[in-house]
Amino acid sequence: MPDTKTLTGGCHCGLVRFECTTDLAMVTACNCSICTKRGLHFAFLAPASFQLRAGEDNLKEYLFNKHAIRHQSCSDCGVEVFARGNKPDGTAVIALNVSCIDGIELSSLKMTPMDGRNRL
């Protein structure tokens, strides 16, 4: 059974802070242009499992390609903390940048490859 935990984190400068509940059972290693260039690794959460604790006014939204994923970055330090989007079935989802979790060690996580580069 997955080990669900409540985790905290935020951007580099600390203006954007969050709390979430997740098991980190699936963390993506996507090869699309934005994930590759920004070094992003995402865990996907139900919106009810994610709470933005600080920095709503400091978020800058970035859209590209089909404008389906609303990337949220700190307007001060530029770190992308999370993104908002929808699953293929239309269900809302939060894509959490796991690198922003306090004390996370990426090498301890199992990464699931995702071929975003060739996705239609």
N, C-alpha and C. Protein backbone atom coordinates (compact mmCIF):
# COMPACT_ATOMS: atom_id res chain seq x y z
N MET A 1 0.85 -1.18 0.00
CA MET A 1 0.00 0.00 0.00
C MET A 1 0.89 1.25 0.00
N PRO A 2 0.58 2.21 -0.83
CA PRO A 2 1.40 3.43 -0.90
C PRO A 2 1.44 4.17 0.44
N ASP A 3 2.53 4.85 0.66
CA ASP A 3 2.75 5.60 1.90
C ASP A 3 2.37 7.06 1.69
N THR A 4 1.09 7.40 1.94
CA THR A 4 0.61 8.77 1.74
C THR A 4 1.10 9.64 2.89
N LYS A 5 1.63 10.81 2.52
CA LYS A 5 2.17 11.75 3.51
C LYS A 5 1.69 13.16 3.20
N THR A 6 1.67 13.99 4.22
CA THR A 6 1.45 15.42 4.02
C THR A 6 2.81 16.06 3.88
N LEU A 7 3.01 16.77 2.78
CA LEU A 7 4.30 17.38 2.45
C LEU A 7 4.13 18.88 2.27
N THR A 8 5.19 19.61 2.51
CA THR A 8 5.20 21.05 2.29
C THR A 8 6.31 21.39 1.32
N GLY A 9 6.23 22.59 0.76
CA GLY A 9 7.28 23.02 -0.14
C GLY A 9 6.99 24.39 -0.69
N GLY A 10 7.79 24.80 -1.66
CA GLY A 10 7.62 26.10 -2.26
C GLY A 10 8.72 26.42 -3.24
N CYS A 11 8.69 27.66 -3.67
CA CYS A 11 9.68 28.13 -4.65
C CYS A 11 11.02 28.41 -3.97
N HIS A 12 11.99 28.84 -4.73
CA HIS A 12 13.33 29.11 -4.21
C HIS A 12 13.36 30.25 -3.20
N CYS A 13 12.65 31.34 -3.50
CA CYS A 13 12.71 32.51 -2.61
C CYS A 13 11.74 32.41 -1.43
N GLY A 14 10.81 31.44 -1.48
CA GLY A 14 9.89 31.23 -0.37
C GLY A 14 8.60 32.00 -0.40
N LEU A 15 8.39 32.81 -1.43
CA LEU A 15 7.14 33.58 -1.51
C LEU A 15 5.94 32.69 -1.80
N VAL A 16 6.15 31.63 -2.60
CA VAL A 16 5.07 30.69 -2.92
C VAL A 16 5.28 29.44 -2.08
N ARG A 17 4.26 29.08 -1.29
CA ARG A 17 4.34 27.91 -0.41
C ARG A 17 3.08 27.06 -0.59
N PHE A 18 3.23 25.76 -0.43
CA PHE A 18 2.11 24.84 -0.57
C PHE A 18 2.19 23.74 0.47
N GLU A 19 1.08 23.04 0.61
CA GLU A 19 0.99 21.82 1.39
C GLU A 19 0.20 20.83 0.54
N CYS A 20 0.59 19.57 0.55
CA CYS A 20 -0.13 18.57 -0.24
C CYS A 20 -0.09 17.23 0.45
N THR A 21 -1.00 16.37 0.03
CA THR A 21 -1.03 15.00 0.51
C THR A 21 -0.89 14.09 -0.70
N THR A 22 0.15 13.26 -0.68
CA THR A 22 0.42 12.38 -1.81
C THR A 22 1.29 11.21 -1.36
N ASP A 23 1.35 10.19 -2.18
CA ASP A 23 2.24 9.05 -1.90
C ASP A 23 3.48 9.07 -2.79
N LEU A 24 3.54 9.98 -3.74
CA LEU A 24 4.64 10.07 -4.71
C LEU A 24 4.90 8.73 -5.40
N ALA A 25 3.83 7.93 -5.56
CA ALA A 25 3.96 6.63 -6.21
C ALA A 25 4.31 6.76 -7.69
N MET A 26 3.85 7.84 -8.32
CA MET A 26 4.19 8.06 -9.72
C MET A 26 4.69 9.48 -9.91
N VAL A 27 5.95 9.58 -10.25
CA VAL A 27 6.57 10.86 -10.58
C VAL A 27 7.04 10.74 -12.02
N THR A 28 6.64 11.69 -12.86
CA THR A 28 6.97 11.58 -14.27
C THR A 28 8.33 12.18 -14.60
N ALA A 29 8.98 11.55 -15.54
CA ALA A 29 10.19 12.06 -16.17
C ALA A 29 9.81 12.27 -17.63
N CYS A 30 9.24 13.42 -17.91
CA CYS A 30 8.72 13.73 -19.24
C CYS A 30 9.82 14.32 -20.11
N ASN A 31 9.78 13.98 -21.40
CA ASN A 31 10.80 14.47 -22.32
C ASN A 31 10.30 15.60 -23.23
N CYS A 32 9.14 16.22 -22.89
CA CYS A 32 8.67 17.34 -23.71
C CYS A 32 9.64 18.51 -23.56
N SER A 33 9.49 19.49 -24.43
CA SER A 33 10.44 20.61 -24.44
C SER A 33 10.49 21.38 -23.13
N ILE A 34 9.34 21.65 -22.51
CA ILE A 34 9.36 22.45 -21.30
C ILE A 34 9.91 21.67 -20.11
N CYS A 35 9.50 20.40 -19.96
CA CYS A 35 10.01 19.60 -18.84
C CYS A 35 11.51 19.37 -18.97
N THR A 36 11.96 19.13 -20.18
CA THR A 36 13.39 18.91 -20.41
C THR A 36 14.20 20.16 -20.09
N LYS A 37 13.80 21.29 -20.63
CA LYS A 37 14.57 22.52 -20.45
C LYS A 37 14.51 23.06 -19.02
N ARG A 38 13.40 22.83 -18.34
CA ARG A 38 13.25 23.32 -16.96
C ARG A 38 13.63 22.28 -15.91
N GLY A 39 13.86 21.05 -16.32
CA GLY A 39 14.20 19.99 -15.38
C GLY A 39 13.04 19.63 -14.46
N LEU A 40 11.82 19.64 -15.01
CA LEU A 40 10.62 19.39 -14.21
C LEU A 40 10.33 17.90 -14.07
N HIS A 41 9.89 17.52 -12.88
CA HIS A 41 9.39 16.18 -12.58
C HIS A 41 8.09 16.38 -11.82
N PHE A 42 7.01 15.82 -12.35
CA PHE A 42 5.70 16.09 -11.78
C PHE A 42 5.07 14.86 -11.12
N ALA A 43 4.34 15.12 -10.03
CA ALA A 43 3.40 14.17 -9.44
C ALA A 43 2.03 14.78 -9.65
N PHE A 44 1.07 13.96 -10.01
CA PHE A 44 -0.27 14.46 -10.31
C PHE A 44 -1.20 14.22 -9.13
N LEU A 45 -1.88 15.30 -8.70
CA LEU A 45 -2.71 15.26 -7.50
C LEU A 45 -4.11 15.76 -7.81
N ALA A 46 -5.07 15.27 -7.05
CA ALA A 46 -6.40 15.85 -7.09
C ALA A 46 -6.32 17.24 -6.47
N PRO A 47 -7.04 18.22 -6.99
CA PRO A 47 -6.99 19.56 -6.41
C PRO A 47 -7.28 19.60 -4.90
N ALA A 48 -8.10 18.71 -4.40
CA ALA A 48 -8.41 18.67 -2.97
C ALA A 48 -7.20 18.25 -2.13
N SER A 49 -6.19 17.65 -2.75
CA SER A 49 -4.98 17.21 -2.04
C SER A 49 -3.87 18.26 -2.06
N PHE A 50 -4.15 19.42 -2.62
CA PHE A 50 -3.15 20.49 -2.76
C PHE A 50 -3.73 21.80 -2.23
N GLN A 51 -2.98 22.45 -1.34
CA GLN A 51 -3.39 23.76 -0.83
C GLN A 51 -2.24 24.74 -1.01
N LEU A 52 -2.52 25.82 -1.70
CA LEU A 52 -1.56 26.91 -1.83
C LEU A 52 -1.62 27.70 -0.53
N ARG A 53 -0.54 27.73 0.23
CA ARG A 53 -0.52 28.37 1.55
C ARG A 53 -0.06 29.82 1.50
N ALA A 54 0.69 30.18 0.49
CA ALA A 54 1.19 31.56 0.37
C ALA A 54 1.59 31.80 -1.07
N GLY A 55 1.48 33.05 -1.49
CA GLY A 55 2.02 33.46 -2.77
C GLY A 55 1.09 33.50 -3.95
N GLU A 56 -0.20 33.38 -3.73
CA GLU A 56 -1.16 33.44 -4.85
C GLU A 56 -0.91 34.67 -5.72
N ASP A 57 -0.65 35.81 -5.10
CA ASP A 57 -0.41 37.05 -5.84
C ASP A 57 0.95 37.09 -6.51
N ASN A 58 1.83 36.15 -6.18
CA ASN A 58 3.17 36.11 -6.78
C ASN A 58 3.27 35.13 -7.95
N LEU A 59 2.16 34.48 -8.29
CA LEU A 59 2.21 33.50 -9.37
C LEU A 59 2.09 34.15 -10.74
N LYS A 60 2.90 33.64 -11.64
CA LYS A 60 2.83 34.05 -13.04
C LYS A 60 2.48 32.80 -13.84
N GLU A 61 1.48 32.92 -14.70
CA GLU A 61 1.03 31.77 -15.48
C GLU A 61 1.68 31.75 -16.86
N TYR A 62 2.06 30.56 -17.29
CA TYR A 62 2.65 30.38 -18.61
C TYR A 62 1.88 29.29 -19.35
N LEU A 63 1.48 29.59 -20.57
CA LEU A 63 0.77 28.65 -21.44
C LEU A 63 1.59 28.46 -22.71
N PHE A 64 1.61 27.24 -23.23
CA PHE A 64 2.27 27.01 -24.51
C PHE A 64 1.57 25.87 -25.23
N ASN A 65 1.94 25.62 -26.45
CA ASN A 65 1.39 24.57 -27.29
C ASN A 65 -0.13 24.68 -27.35
N LYS A 66 -0.86 23.73 -26.78
CA LYS A 66 -2.33 23.73 -26.86
C LYS A 66 -2.99 24.53 -25.75
N HIS A 67 -2.20 25.16 -24.90
CA HIS A 67 -2.70 25.96 -23.77
C HIS A 67 -3.56 25.14 -22.82
N ALA A 68 -3.28 23.85 -22.72
CA ALA A 68 -4.06 22.95 -21.87
C ALA A 68 -3.53 22.91 -20.44
N ILE A 69 -2.25 23.19 -20.26
CA ILE A 69 -1.63 23.14 -18.94
C ILE A 69 -1.23 24.56 -18.56
N ARG A 70 -1.69 24.99 -17.39
CA ARG A 70 -1.43 26.36 -16.91
C ARG A 70 -0.28 26.31 -15.89
N HIS A 71 0.93 26.50 -16.37
CA HIS A 71 2.13 26.44 -15.54
C HIS A 71 2.18 27.66 -14.62
N GLN A 72 2.45 27.40 -13.32
CA GLN A 72 2.45 28.46 -12.30
C GLN A 72 3.86 28.62 -11.72
N SER A 73 4.45 29.78 -11.97
CA SER A 73 5.80 30.07 -11.49
C SER A 73 5.79 31.28 -10.58
N CYS A 74 6.75 31.32 -9.67
CA CYS A 74 6.93 32.49 -8.82
C CYS A 74 7.42 33.65 -9.68
N SER A 75 6.76 34.78 -9.60
CA SER A 75 7.16 35.94 -10.41
C SER A 75 8.45 36.57 -9.91
N ASP A 76 8.89 36.20 -8.70
CA ASP A 76 10.14 36.76 -8.17
C ASP A 76 11.34 35.89 -8.55
N CYS A 77 11.35 34.62 -8.15
CA CYS A 77 12.52 33.77 -8.41
C CYS A 77 12.41 32.95 -9.68
N GLY A 78 11.20 32.83 -10.25
CA GLY A 78 11.00 32.14 -11.51
C GLY A 78 10.80 30.64 -11.42
N VAL A 79 10.81 30.06 -10.24
CA VAL A 79 10.65 28.61 -10.10
C VAL A 79 9.21 28.21 -10.36
N GLU A 80 9.04 27.20 -11.22
CA GLU A 80 7.70 26.65 -11.46
C GLU A 80 7.38 25.68 -10.34
N VAL A 81 6.36 25.99 -9.57
CA VAL A 81 5.98 25.19 -8.41
C VAL A 81 4.96 24.12 -8.78
N PHE A 82 4.00 24.47 -9.62
CA PHE A 82 2.96 23.52 -10.00
C PHE A 82 2.30 24.00 -11.28
N ALA A 83 1.42 23.16 -11.79
CA ALA A 83 0.62 23.51 -12.96
C ALA A 83 -0.80 23.03 -12.72
N ARG A 84 -1.73 23.68 -13.40
CA ARG A 84 -3.13 23.28 -13.33
C ARG A 84 -3.53 22.76 -14.71
N GLY A 85 -4.31 21.70 -14.72
CA GLY A 85 -4.76 21.15 -15.99
C GLY A 85 -5.90 20.20 -15.79
N ASN A 86 -6.16 19.41 -16.81
CA ASN A 86 -7.22 18.40 -16.78
C ASN A 86 -6.69 17.10 -17.36
N LYS A 87 -7.14 15.99 -16.78
CA LYS A 87 -6.83 14.68 -17.32
C LYS A 87 -7.60 14.51 -18.63
N PRO A 88 -7.25 13.51 -19.42
CA PRO A 88 -7.98 13.29 -20.69
C PRO A 88 -9.49 13.16 -20.52
N ASP A 89 -9.95 12.67 -19.35
CA ASP A 89 -11.39 12.53 -19.12
C ASP A 89 -12.04 13.83 -18.64
N GLY A 90 -11.24 14.91 -18.52
CA GLY A 90 -11.76 16.20 -18.11
C GLY A 90 -11.65 16.51 -16.63
N THR A 91 -11.23 15.56 -15.82
CA THR A 91 -11.07 15.75 -14.39
C THR A 91 -9.92 16.71 -14.11
N ALA A 92 -10.15 17.68 -13.23
CA ALA A 92 -9.10 18.65 -12.87
C ALA A 92 -7.95 17.94 -12.16
N VAL A 93 -6.75 18.45 -12.39
CA VAL A 93 -5.56 17.86 -11.78
C VAL A 93 -4.54 18.96 -11.50
N ILE A 94 -3.76 18.75 -10.45
CA ILE A 94 -2.61 19.60 -10.13
C ILE A 94 -1.37 18.78 -10.47
N ALA A 95 -0.46 19.36 -11.22
CA ALA A 95 0.82 18.74 -11.51
C ALA A 95 1.86 19.44 -10.62
N LEU A 96 2.27 18.75 -9.58
CA LEU A 96 3.20 19.32 -8.60
C LEU A 96 4.63 19.07 -9.02
N ASN A 97 5.43 20.12 -9.08
CA ASN A 97 6.86 19.97 -9.35
C ASN A 97 7.49 19.40 -8.08
N VAL A 98 7.81 18.11 -8.09
CA VAL A 98 8.30 17.46 -6.88
C VAL A 98 9.64 18.03 -6.41
N SER A 99 10.37 18.69 -7.28
CA SER A 99 11.62 19.33 -6.87
C SER A 99 11.39 20.45 -5.87
N CYS A 100 10.15 20.92 -5.76
CA CYS A 100 9.82 22.01 -4.84
C CYS A 100 9.40 21.52 -3.47
N ILE A 101 9.35 20.21 -3.26
CA ILE A 101 8.99 19.66 -1.95
C ILE A 101 10.17 19.86 -1.00
N ASP A 102 9.89 20.35 0.19
CA ASP A 102 10.94 20.56 1.20
C ASP A 102 11.70 19.26 1.47
N GLY A 103 13.02 19.30 1.37
CA GLY A 103 13.88 18.18 1.72
C GLY A 103 13.83 16.99 0.78
N ILE A 104 13.25 17.15 -0.38
CA ILE A 104 13.12 16.02 -1.31
C ILE A 104 14.48 15.62 -1.87
N GLU A 105 14.66 14.34 -2.05
CA GLU A 105 15.87 13.80 -2.68
C GLU A 105 15.41 13.08 -3.94
N LEU A 106 15.55 13.75 -5.09
CA LEU A 106 15.04 13.19 -6.34
C LEU A 106 15.59 11.79 -6.64
N SER A 107 16.82 11.53 -6.25
CA SER A 107 17.42 10.22 -6.54
C SER A 107 16.72 9.09 -5.79
N SER A 108 15.93 9.41 -4.76
CA SER A 108 15.23 8.38 -4.00
C SER A 108 13.86 8.04 -4.60
N LEU A 109 13.45 8.77 -5.64
CA LEU A 109 12.14 8.57 -6.24
C LEU A 109 12.23 7.71 -7.50
N LYS A 110 11.21 6.89 -7.69
CA LYS A 110 11.10 6.11 -8.92
C LYS A 110 10.45 7.02 -9.96
N MET A 111 11.15 7.24 -11.05
CA MET A 111 10.64 8.09 -12.13
C MET A 111 9.96 7.23 -13.20
N THR A 112 8.79 7.68 -13.63
CA THR A 112 8.05 7.00 -14.70
C THR A 112 8.23 7.80 -15.98
N PRO A 113 8.87 7.21 -17.00
CA PRO A 113 9.07 7.94 -18.26
C PRO A 113 7.74 8.28 -18.92
N MET A 114 7.67 9.47 -19.51
CA MET A 114 6.50 9.88 -20.26
C MET A 114 6.99 10.55 -21.54
N ASP A 115 6.49 10.10 -22.66
CA ASP A 115 6.93 10.62 -23.95
C ASP A 115 6.07 11.80 -24.37
N GLY A 116 6.26 12.93 -23.69
CA GLY A 116 5.53 14.15 -24.02
C GLY A 116 5.98 14.78 -25.31
N ARG A 117 7.19 14.49 -25.74
CA ARG A 117 7.72 15.06 -26.98
C ARG A 117 6.94 14.57 -28.20
N ASN A 118 6.50 13.32 -28.17
CA ASN A 118 5.81 12.74 -29.33
C ASN A 118 4.32 12.56 -29.12
N ARG A 119 3.81 13.14 -28.05
CA ARG A 119 2.39 13.05 -27.74
C ARG A 119 1.60 13.99 -28.64
N LEU A 120 0.50 13.53 -29.12
CA LEU A 120 -0.34 14.37 -30.00
C LEU A 120 -1.25 15.25 -29.22
